[in-house]
Amino acid sequence: MSSQPRVNRRVFERFMLERGYTGVAARVQPDEIGFSREGHVYDISEGGICFELDHPIEPGSVVSLRIDLPLNCGDRGPGRCVFVTGNIVWCDVDEPGASRMALAITRFDREGDKGRMMRALSAGKRFLRAA
């Protein structure tokens, strides 16, 4: 066992979300037209998101996500969705059931989405800062 402290190499602060309360829908580009794959978010940061879907997506795939911010985060109605695009960096298919995966965000798809998401995560007591 190493006595060296663990080094956090993350660039952005990560927020853990309550399972099942933050929905996500995925669209694999360029093949899929709509956001047909649905699941939920485990944790999120300005640079990435860990989420779960019923069907795995191959690492390296370009994926667009619709992230449904929880109702108590300050935004109301359909405008509370944030749209991002990025690359799948890993996908865990070893466990039975839904597949957990991570996406590195390469862009926020709509103007203002990044700021709204970060304000919501920073302001809410519902979100725990992850280690």
N, C-alpha and C. Protein backbone atom coordinates (compact mmCIF):
# COMPACT_ATOMS: atom_id res chain seq x y z
N MET A 1 0.84 -1.18 0.00
CA MET A 1 0.00 0.00 0.00
C MET A 1 0.89 1.24 0.00
N SER A 2 0.59 2.16 -0.84
CA SER A 2 1.38 3.38 -0.98
C SER A 2 0.99 4.41 0.08
N SER A 3 2.00 5.11 0.61
CA SER A 3 1.72 6.16 1.58
C SER A 3 1.63 7.53 0.89
N GLN A 4 1.77 7.55 -0.43
CA GLN A 4 1.69 8.78 -1.19
C GLN A 4 0.24 9.26 -1.23
N PRO A 5 0.01 10.56 -1.03
CA PRO A 5 -1.36 11.07 -1.15
C PRO A 5 -1.84 10.98 -2.59
N ARG A 6 -3.14 10.77 -2.75
CA ARG A 6 -3.73 10.71 -4.08
C ARG A 6 -3.73 12.09 -4.71
N VAL A 7 -3.32 12.17 -5.94
CA VAL A 7 -3.27 13.45 -6.64
C VAL A 7 -4.53 13.60 -7.48
N ASN A 8 -5.20 14.74 -7.30
CA ASN A 8 -6.37 15.03 -8.10
C ASN A 8 -5.92 15.73 -9.38
N ARG A 9 -6.08 15.07 -10.51
CA ARG A 9 -5.65 15.64 -11.79
C ARG A 9 -6.80 16.31 -12.54
N ARG A 10 -7.94 16.42 -11.91
CA ARG A 10 -9.08 17.04 -12.57
C ARG A 10 -8.88 18.54 -12.70
N VAL A 11 -9.27 19.08 -13.83
CA VAL A 11 -9.17 20.50 -14.08
C VAL A 11 -10.38 21.24 -13.51
N PHE A 12 -11.56 20.61 -13.56
CA PHE A 12 -12.80 21.25 -13.15
C PHE A 12 -13.39 20.55 -11.93
N GLU A 13 -14.04 21.32 -11.08
CA GLU A 13 -14.71 20.77 -9.92
C GLU A 13 -15.86 19.89 -10.37
N ARG A 14 -16.00 18.74 -9.70
CA ARG A 14 -17.01 17.76 -10.08
C ARG A 14 -18.11 17.74 -9.02
N PHE A 15 -19.36 17.61 -9.46
CA PHE A 15 -20.51 17.59 -8.57
C PHE A 15 -21.23 16.26 -8.71
N MET A 16 -21.45 15.59 -7.58
CA MET A 16 -22.22 14.34 -7.57
C MET A 16 -23.70 14.71 -7.51
N LEU A 17 -24.52 13.96 -8.24
CA LEU A 17 -25.95 14.21 -8.28
C LEU A 17 -26.68 13.00 -7.73
N GLU A 18 -27.85 13.23 -7.16
CA GLU A 18 -28.64 12.12 -6.65
C GLU A 18 -29.11 11.27 -7.82
N ARG A 19 -28.86 9.98 -7.72
CA ARG A 19 -29.20 9.06 -8.80
C ARG A 19 -30.70 9.11 -9.10
N GLY A 20 -31.02 9.20 -10.36
CA GLY A 20 -32.41 9.18 -10.79
C GLY A 20 -33.07 10.54 -10.85
N TYR A 21 -32.44 11.59 -10.30
CA TYR A 21 -33.06 12.91 -10.29
C TYR A 21 -32.61 13.80 -11.45
N THR A 22 -31.51 13.46 -12.08
CA THR A 22 -31.02 14.25 -13.20
C THR A 22 -31.00 13.36 -14.43
N GLY A 23 -31.97 13.56 -15.29
CA GLY A 23 -32.08 12.75 -16.48
C GLY A 23 -31.12 13.19 -17.56
N VAL A 24 -30.78 12.25 -18.43
CA VAL A 24 -29.93 12.54 -19.58
C VAL A 24 -30.47 11.74 -20.76
N ALA A 25 -30.37 12.34 -21.94
CA ALA A 25 -30.73 11.64 -23.17
C ALA A 25 -29.57 11.81 -24.14
N ALA A 26 -29.28 10.75 -24.89
CA ALA A 26 -28.09 10.73 -25.76
C ALA A 26 -28.48 10.52 -27.22
N ARG A 27 -27.61 11.07 -28.06
CA ARG A 27 -27.73 10.90 -29.51
C ARG A 27 -26.31 10.68 -30.04
N VAL A 28 -26.06 9.50 -30.62
CA VAL A 28 -24.75 9.20 -31.19
C VAL A 28 -24.68 9.84 -32.57
N GLN A 29 -23.62 10.62 -32.81
CA GLN A 29 -23.47 11.32 -34.09
C GLN A 29 -22.58 10.52 -35.02
N PRO A 30 -22.77 10.56 -36.29
CA PRO A 30 -23.82 11.26 -37.02
C PRO A 30 -25.03 10.39 -37.29
N ASP A 31 -25.06 9.19 -36.72
CA ASP A 31 -26.06 8.18 -37.10
C ASP A 31 -27.47 8.42 -36.59
N GLU A 32 -27.62 8.93 -35.39
CA GLU A 32 -28.94 9.05 -34.79
C GLU A 32 -29.49 10.46 -34.95
N ILE A 33 -30.80 10.53 -35.18
CA ILE A 33 -31.45 11.82 -35.40
C ILE A 33 -31.92 12.43 -34.09
N GLY A 34 -32.62 11.69 -33.26
CA GLY A 34 -33.17 12.22 -32.02
C GLY A 34 -32.42 11.70 -30.80
N PHE A 35 -32.80 12.23 -29.66
CA PHE A 35 -32.22 11.80 -28.38
C PHE A 35 -33.02 10.59 -27.89
N SER A 36 -32.72 9.42 -28.44
CA SER A 36 -33.53 8.23 -28.19
C SER A 36 -33.04 7.38 -27.02
N ARG A 37 -31.82 7.59 -26.57
CA ARG A 37 -31.28 6.79 -25.46
C ARG A 37 -31.38 7.60 -24.18
N GLU A 38 -32.07 7.07 -23.16
CA GLU A 38 -32.29 7.83 -21.93
C GLU A 38 -31.66 7.14 -20.73
N GLY A 39 -31.24 7.95 -19.77
CA GLY A 39 -30.63 7.43 -18.56
C GLY A 39 -30.57 8.51 -17.50
N HIS A 40 -29.54 8.43 -16.64
CA HIS A 40 -29.39 9.44 -15.60
C HIS A 40 -27.92 9.74 -15.34
N VAL A 41 -27.69 10.88 -14.71
CA VAL A 41 -26.34 11.39 -14.45
C VAL A 41 -25.88 10.97 -13.05
N TYR A 42 -24.61 10.59 -12.94
CA TYR A 42 -23.99 10.31 -11.64
C TYR A 42 -23.24 11.53 -11.13
N ASP A 43 -22.38 12.08 -11.97
CA ASP A 43 -21.67 13.30 -11.60
C ASP A 43 -21.37 14.11 -12.85
N ILE A 44 -21.06 15.38 -12.61
CA ILE A 44 -20.91 16.31 -13.73
C ILE A 44 -19.94 17.41 -13.36
N SER A 45 -19.24 17.91 -14.37
CA SER A 45 -18.36 19.07 -14.19
C SER A 45 -18.42 19.88 -15.48
N GLU A 46 -17.72 20.98 -15.47
CA GLU A 46 -17.64 21.81 -16.67
C GLU A 46 -16.99 21.06 -17.83
N GLY A 47 -16.17 20.09 -17.53
CA GLY A 47 -15.43 19.39 -18.58
C GLY A 47 -15.89 17.98 -18.89
N GLY A 48 -16.84 17.44 -18.10
CA GLY A 48 -17.25 16.07 -18.37
C GLY A 48 -18.44 15.63 -17.54
N ILE A 49 -18.92 14.46 -17.88
CA ILE A 49 -20.11 13.92 -17.23
C ILE A 49 -20.01 12.40 -17.16
N CYS A 50 -20.37 11.85 -16.01
CA CYS A 50 -20.48 10.40 -15.85
C CYS A 50 -21.96 10.08 -15.79
N PHE A 51 -22.42 9.17 -16.63
CA PHE A 51 -23.84 8.89 -16.73
C PHE A 51 -24.07 7.42 -17.05
N GLU A 52 -25.33 7.02 -17.04
CA GLU A 52 -25.70 5.63 -17.26
C GLU A 52 -26.83 5.56 -18.27
N LEU A 53 -26.70 4.61 -19.20
CA LEU A 53 -27.73 4.34 -20.20
C LEU A 53 -27.99 2.83 -20.24
N ASP A 54 -29.14 2.44 -20.76
CA ASP A 54 -29.44 1.01 -20.87
C ASP A 54 -28.55 0.31 -21.89
N HIS A 55 -28.07 1.05 -22.89
CA HIS A 55 -27.23 0.45 -23.93
C HIS A 55 -25.90 1.18 -23.99
N PRO A 56 -24.79 0.44 -24.03
CA PRO A 56 -23.46 1.08 -24.05
C PRO A 56 -23.19 1.82 -25.35
N ILE A 57 -22.31 2.79 -25.25
CA ILE A 57 -21.83 3.52 -26.43
C ILE A 57 -20.32 3.32 -26.48
N GLU A 58 -19.83 2.99 -27.64
CA GLU A 58 -18.41 2.69 -27.84
C GLU A 58 -17.51 3.88 -27.51
N PRO A 59 -16.44 3.67 -26.70
CA PRO A 59 -15.48 4.76 -26.46
C PRO A 59 -14.95 5.33 -27.78
N GLY A 60 -14.79 6.64 -27.81
CA GLY A 60 -14.36 7.34 -29.02
C GLY A 60 -15.52 7.91 -29.81
N SER A 61 -16.74 7.44 -29.55
CA SER A 61 -17.91 7.93 -30.26
C SER A 61 -18.19 9.38 -29.91
N VAL A 62 -18.64 10.15 -30.89
CA VAL A 62 -19.08 11.52 -30.66
C VAL A 62 -20.56 11.46 -30.31
N VAL A 63 -20.90 12.07 -29.17
CA VAL A 63 -22.25 11.97 -28.64
C VAL A 63 -22.74 13.35 -28.22
N SER A 64 -24.00 13.64 -28.51
CA SER A 64 -24.66 14.84 -27.99
C SER A 64 -25.56 14.39 -26.84
N LEU A 65 -25.58 15.19 -25.77
CA LEU A 65 -26.41 14.89 -24.61
C LEU A 65 -27.35 16.04 -24.32
N ARG A 66 -28.53 15.68 -23.86
CA ARG A 66 -29.48 16.64 -23.28
C ARG A 66 -29.52 16.32 -21.80
N ILE A 67 -29.08 17.25 -20.99
CA ILE A 67 -29.04 17.06 -19.55
C ILE A 67 -30.20 17.83 -18.94
N ASP A 68 -31.07 17.12 -18.23
CA ASP A 68 -32.25 17.73 -17.62
C ASP A 68 -31.90 18.13 -16.19
N LEU A 69 -31.59 19.42 -16.00
CA LEU A 69 -31.25 19.89 -14.66
C LEU A 69 -32.44 19.66 -13.73
N PRO A 70 -32.18 19.28 -12.47
CA PRO A 70 -33.29 19.05 -11.52
C PRO A 70 -34.16 20.29 -11.35
N LEU A 71 -35.43 20.08 -11.04
CA LEU A 71 -36.38 21.18 -10.92
C LEU A 71 -36.01 22.21 -9.87
N ASN A 72 -35.32 21.81 -8.82
CA ASN A 72 -35.03 22.75 -7.74
C ASN A 72 -33.72 23.50 -7.94
N CYS A 73 -33.18 23.52 -9.15
CA CYS A 73 -31.90 24.19 -9.38
C CYS A 73 -32.06 25.65 -9.79
N GLY A 74 -33.29 26.12 -9.88
CA GLY A 74 -33.49 27.53 -10.21
C GLY A 74 -34.15 27.75 -11.56
N ASP A 75 -33.88 26.92 -12.55
CA ASP A 75 -34.53 27.06 -13.86
C ASP A 75 -35.84 26.29 -13.85
N ARG A 76 -36.80 26.73 -14.60
CA ARG A 76 -38.10 26.09 -14.68
C ARG A 76 -38.44 25.77 -16.14
N GLY A 77 -39.24 24.73 -16.33
CA GLY A 77 -39.76 24.41 -17.65
C GLY A 77 -38.74 23.80 -18.58
N PRO A 78 -39.06 23.76 -19.87
CA PRO A 78 -38.19 23.09 -20.84
C PRO A 78 -36.84 23.78 -21.00
N GLY A 79 -36.73 25.03 -20.60
CA GLY A 79 -35.46 25.74 -20.70
C GLY A 79 -34.41 25.28 -19.73
N ARG A 80 -34.77 24.36 -18.81
CA ARG A 80 -33.79 23.90 -17.83
C ARG A 80 -32.85 22.83 -18.40
N CYS A 81 -33.04 22.43 -19.64
CA CYS A 81 -32.16 21.46 -20.29
C CYS A 81 -30.88 22.15 -20.76
N VAL A 82 -29.78 21.42 -20.65
CA VAL A 82 -28.48 21.87 -21.13
C VAL A 82 -28.04 20.87 -22.20
N PHE A 83 -27.53 21.37 -23.32
CA PHE A 83 -27.10 20.51 -24.41
C PHE A 83 -25.59 20.60 -24.58
N VAL A 84 -24.92 19.43 -24.60
CA VAL A 84 -23.48 19.37 -24.78
C VAL A 84 -23.14 18.31 -25.82
N THR A 85 -21.94 18.42 -26.38
CA THR A 85 -21.41 17.40 -27.29
C THR A 85 -20.00 17.07 -26.82
N GLY A 86 -19.63 15.82 -26.97
CA GLY A 86 -18.30 15.40 -26.56
C GLY A 86 -17.99 14.00 -27.04
N ASN A 87 -16.94 13.43 -26.47
CA ASN A 87 -16.47 12.10 -26.84
C ASN A 87 -16.58 11.15 -25.65
N ILE A 88 -17.06 9.95 -25.90
CA ILE A 88 -17.10 8.93 -24.86
C ILE A 88 -15.66 8.51 -24.58
N VAL A 89 -15.23 8.60 -23.32
CA VAL A 89 -13.85 8.25 -22.98
C VAL A 89 -13.74 6.87 -22.37
N TRP A 90 -14.78 6.39 -21.71
CA TRP A 90 -14.81 5.01 -21.23
C TRP A 90 -16.25 4.56 -21.04
N CYS A 91 -16.43 3.24 -21.08
CA CYS A 91 -17.75 2.65 -20.89
C CYS A 91 -17.57 1.33 -20.14
N ASP A 92 -18.25 1.18 -19.03
CA ASP A 92 -18.16 -0.01 -18.20
C ASP A 92 -19.30 -0.95 -18.56
N VAL A 93 -18.98 -2.05 -19.19
CA VAL A 93 -19.99 -3.04 -19.57
C VAL A 93 -19.80 -4.34 -18.79
N ASP A 94 -18.97 -4.33 -17.76
CA ASP A 94 -18.69 -5.54 -16.99
C ASP A 94 -19.84 -5.94 -16.07
N GLU A 95 -20.61 -4.98 -15.61
CA GLU A 95 -21.73 -5.27 -14.72
C GLU A 95 -22.99 -5.54 -15.54
N PRO A 96 -23.86 -6.43 -15.04
CA PRO A 96 -25.13 -6.64 -15.76
C PRO A 96 -26.02 -5.41 -15.64
N GLY A 97 -26.90 -5.23 -16.61
CA GLY A 97 -27.81 -4.10 -16.57
C GLY A 97 -27.27 -2.91 -17.33
N ALA A 98 -27.68 -1.72 -16.87
CA ALA A 98 -27.30 -0.48 -17.54
C ALA A 98 -25.79 -0.29 -17.55
N SER A 99 -25.30 0.48 -18.52
CA SER A 99 -23.87 0.72 -18.68
C SER A 99 -23.52 2.13 -18.22
N ARG A 100 -22.52 2.22 -17.35
CA ARG A 100 -22.02 3.52 -16.90
C ARG A 100 -20.91 3.94 -17.85
N MET A 101 -20.88 5.24 -18.21
CA MET A 101 -19.87 5.74 -19.14
C MET A 101 -19.54 7.19 -18.83
N ALA A 102 -18.47 7.68 -19.42
CA ALA A 102 -18.05 9.07 -19.21
C ALA A 102 -17.87 9.75 -20.56
N LEU A 103 -18.26 11.02 -20.60
CA LEU A 103 -18.14 11.84 -21.79
C LEU A 103 -17.29 13.06 -21.44
N ALA A 104 -16.26 13.31 -22.25
CA ALA A 104 -15.48 14.54 -22.13
C ALA A 104 -16.17 15.58 -22.99
N ILE A 105 -16.61 16.68 -22.38
CA ILE A 105 -17.35 17.72 -23.10
C ILE A 105 -16.39 18.50 -23.99
N THR A 106 -16.73 18.60 -25.28
CA THR A 106 -15.94 19.41 -26.20
C THR A 106 -16.61 20.75 -26.50
N ARG A 107 -17.96 20.80 -26.31
CA ARG A 107 -18.65 22.08 -26.50
C ARG A 107 -20.02 22.05 -25.84
N PHE A 108 -20.46 23.23 -25.44
CA PHE A 108 -21.84 23.45 -25.01
C PHE A 108 -22.57 23.92 -26.26
N ASP A 109 -23.69 23.27 -26.58
CA ASP A 109 -24.32 23.46 -27.89
C ASP A 109 -25.15 24.72 -28.03
N ARG A 110 -25.60 25.30 -26.94
CA ARG A 110 -26.39 26.52 -27.02
C ARG A 110 -25.73 27.61 -26.19
N GLU A 111 -25.85 28.82 -26.66
CA GLU A 111 -25.31 29.96 -25.93
C GLU A 111 -25.97 30.03 -24.55
N GLY A 112 -25.16 30.20 -23.52
CA GLY A 112 -25.67 30.33 -22.17
C GLY A 112 -25.79 29.03 -21.39
N ASP A 113 -25.71 27.88 -22.07
CA ASP A 113 -25.87 26.60 -21.37
C ASP A 113 -24.79 26.36 -20.32
N LYS A 114 -23.56 26.67 -20.66
CA LYS A 114 -22.46 26.44 -19.71
C LYS A 114 -22.67 27.27 -18.44
N GLY A 115 -22.96 28.54 -18.59
CA GLY A 115 -23.16 29.41 -17.43
C GLY A 115 -24.34 28.99 -16.59
N ARG A 116 -25.46 28.63 -17.25
CA ARG A 116 -26.63 28.19 -16.50
C ARG A 116 -26.36 26.92 -15.72
N MET A 117 -25.65 25.98 -16.34
CA MET A 117 -25.34 24.73 -15.65
C MET A 117 -24.44 24.97 -14.44
N MET A 118 -23.42 25.78 -14.63
CA MET A 118 -22.48 26.01 -13.53
C MET A 118 -23.14 26.81 -12.40
N ARG A 119 -23.99 27.77 -12.73
CA ARG A 119 -24.72 28.51 -11.69
C ARG A 119 -25.62 27.57 -10.90
N ALA A 120 -26.32 26.68 -11.61
CA ALA A 120 -27.22 25.74 -10.95
C ALA A 120 -26.46 24.80 -10.03
N LEU A 121 -25.33 24.29 -10.49
CA LEU A 121 -24.55 23.35 -9.67
C LEU A 121 -23.90 24.04 -8.49
N SER A 122 -23.42 25.25 -8.69
CA SER A 122 -22.73 25.98 -7.62
C SER A 122 -23.70 26.47 -6.54
N ALA A 123 -24.93 26.78 -6.92
CA ALA A 123 -25.88 27.37 -5.99
C ALA A 123 -26.66 26.33 -5.19
N GLY A 124 -26.83 25.15 -5.72
CA GLY A 124 -27.70 24.18 -5.07
C GLY A 124 -27.03 23.42 -3.94
N LYS A 125 -27.74 23.32 -2.81
CA LYS A 125 -27.25 22.50 -1.70
C LYS A 125 -27.47 21.03 -1.99
N ARG A 126 -28.25 20.73 -3.02
CA ARG A 126 -28.55 19.36 -3.40
C ARG A 126 -27.33 18.66 -4.00
N PHE A 127 -26.39 19.43 -4.51
CA PHE A 127 -25.25 18.86 -5.22
C PHE A 127 -24.04 18.81 -4.31
N LEU A 128 -23.41 17.66 -4.25
CA LEU A 128 -22.24 17.47 -3.41
C LEU A 128 -20.99 17.58 -4.24
N ARG A 129 -20.02 18.31 -3.76
CA ARG A 129 -18.74 18.38 -4.46
C ARG A 129 -18.05 17.04 -4.30
N ALA A 130 -17.66 16.45 -5.41
CA ALA A 130 -17.06 15.11 -5.40
C ALA A 130 -15.56 15.22 -5.17
N ALA A 131 -15.01 14.16 -4.63
CA ALA A 131 -13.57 14.12 -4.38
C ALA A 131 -12.81 13.97 -5.67
